[in-house]
Protein backbone atom coordinates (compact mmCIF):
# COMPACT_ATOMS: atom_id res chain seq x y z
CA UNK A 1 -52.42 -85.72 -48.50
CA UNK A 2 -52.96 -87.53 -52.22
CA UNK A 3 -53.91 -85.50 -54.58
CA UNK A 4 -56.02 -86.39 -57.95
CA UNK A 5 -57.65 -89.35 -56.27
CA UNK A 6 -60.73 -90.26 -57.90
CA UNK A 7 -60.76 -87.22 -59.98
CA UNK A 8 -61.84 -84.99 -57.09
CA UNK A 9 -61.29 -81.08 -57.04
CA UNK A 10 -60.17 -79.59 -53.82
CA UNK A 11 -59.58 -76.12 -53.30
CA UNK A 12 -60.17 -73.09 -51.17
CA UNK A 13 -63.14 -70.49 -51.20
CA UNK A 14 -63.00 -67.35 -48.90
CA UNK A 15 -66.31 -65.67 -47.46
CA UNK A 16 -66.82 -62.71 -45.66
CA UNK A 17 -68.08 -63.39 -41.73
CA UNK A 18 -69.59 -60.55 -40.15
CA UNK A 19 -68.33 -59.63 -36.83
CA UNK A 20 -70.33 -56.62 -36.21
CA UNK A 21 -73.20 -56.75 -33.76
CA UNK A 22 -76.53 -56.94 -35.46
CA UNK A 23 -78.40 -53.26 -35.61
CA UNK A 24 -74.89 -51.74 -36.50
CA UNK A 25 -75.23 -49.06 -38.91
CA UNK A 26 -74.04 -50.26 -42.83
CA UNK A 27 -71.10 -48.12 -42.95
CA UNK A 28 -69.67 -49.24 -39.56
CA UNK A 29 -70.37 -52.57 -39.94
CA UNK A 30 -66.95 -55.47 -39.69
CA UNK A 31 -66.64 -58.41 -41.68
CA UNK A 32 -63.26 -60.78 -41.70
CA UNK A 33 -62.15 -63.26 -44.44
CA UNK A 34 -62.81 -66.56 -43.30
CA UNK A 35 -61.20 -69.40 -45.85
CA UNK A 36 -62.79 -72.97 -45.77
CA UNK A 37 -61.57 -76.51 -47.71
CA UNK A 38 -63.77 -77.63 -50.36
CA UNK A 39 -63.93 -81.02 -51.94
CA UNK A 40 -65.86 -80.90 -55.17
CA UNK A 41 -67.17 -84.48 -56.49
CA UNK A 42 -70.12 -86.75 -57.25
CA UNK A 43 -70.70 -88.14 -53.60
CA UNK A 44 -69.79 -91.71 -54.50
CA UNK A 45 -66.54 -91.09 -55.18
CA UNK A 46 -65.87 -89.18 -52.39
CA UNK A 47 -66.77 -91.99 -50.20
CA UNK A 48 -64.64 -94.25 -52.02
CA UNK A 49 -61.78 -91.94 -51.60
CA UNK A 50 -62.37 -90.86 -47.82
CA UNK A 51 -64.34 -93.92 -46.31
CA UNK A 52 -63.61 -92.69 -42.55
CA UNK A 53 -64.15 -89.15 -43.47
CA UNK A 54 -67.54 -89.59 -44.79
CA UNK A 55 -68.65 -92.93 -43.01
CA UNK A 56 -71.09 -90.42 -41.33
CA UNK A 57 -73.41 -90.77 -44.58
CA UNK A 58 -75.36 -93.27 -45.93
CA UNK A 59 -75.67 -93.59 -49.72
CA UNK A 60 -77.60 -96.28 -52.22
CA UNK A 61 -77.39 -95.77 -55.80
CA UNK A 62 -79.13 -97.40 -58.14
CA UNK A 63 -76.44 -99.72 -58.90
CA UNK A 64 -77.13 -100.83 -55.17
CA UNK A 65 -80.86 -101.31 -55.65
CA UNK A 66 -80.61 -103.55 -58.81
CA UNK A 67 -81.39 -107.40 -58.11
CA UNK A 68 -77.60 -109.78 -57.98
CA UNK A 69 -76.71 -112.14 -60.61
CA UNK A 70 -76.33 -115.00 -58.01
CA UNK A 71 -80.09 -115.43 -57.92
CA UNK A 72 -80.69 -115.75 -61.70
CA UNK A 73 -81.23 -119.19 -63.03
CA UNK A 74 -78.74 -120.48 -65.73
CA UNK A 75 -81.23 -121.17 -68.90
């Protein structure tokens, strides 16, 4: 895996996941740490860097909505 592609930030985040069943007294609750991988960047950069991984998303920018210059007449 390449790093520093399009200025994306990669890091891990640890979240505590509750394992004990609901209704357990507060002093007997059990939590286990669970690590997640995080990618932080604007969505258009992430889609450019990893098109296969983000192929499920559809994203439109203002640039996509502007009319193309091909349709303009030269004066």
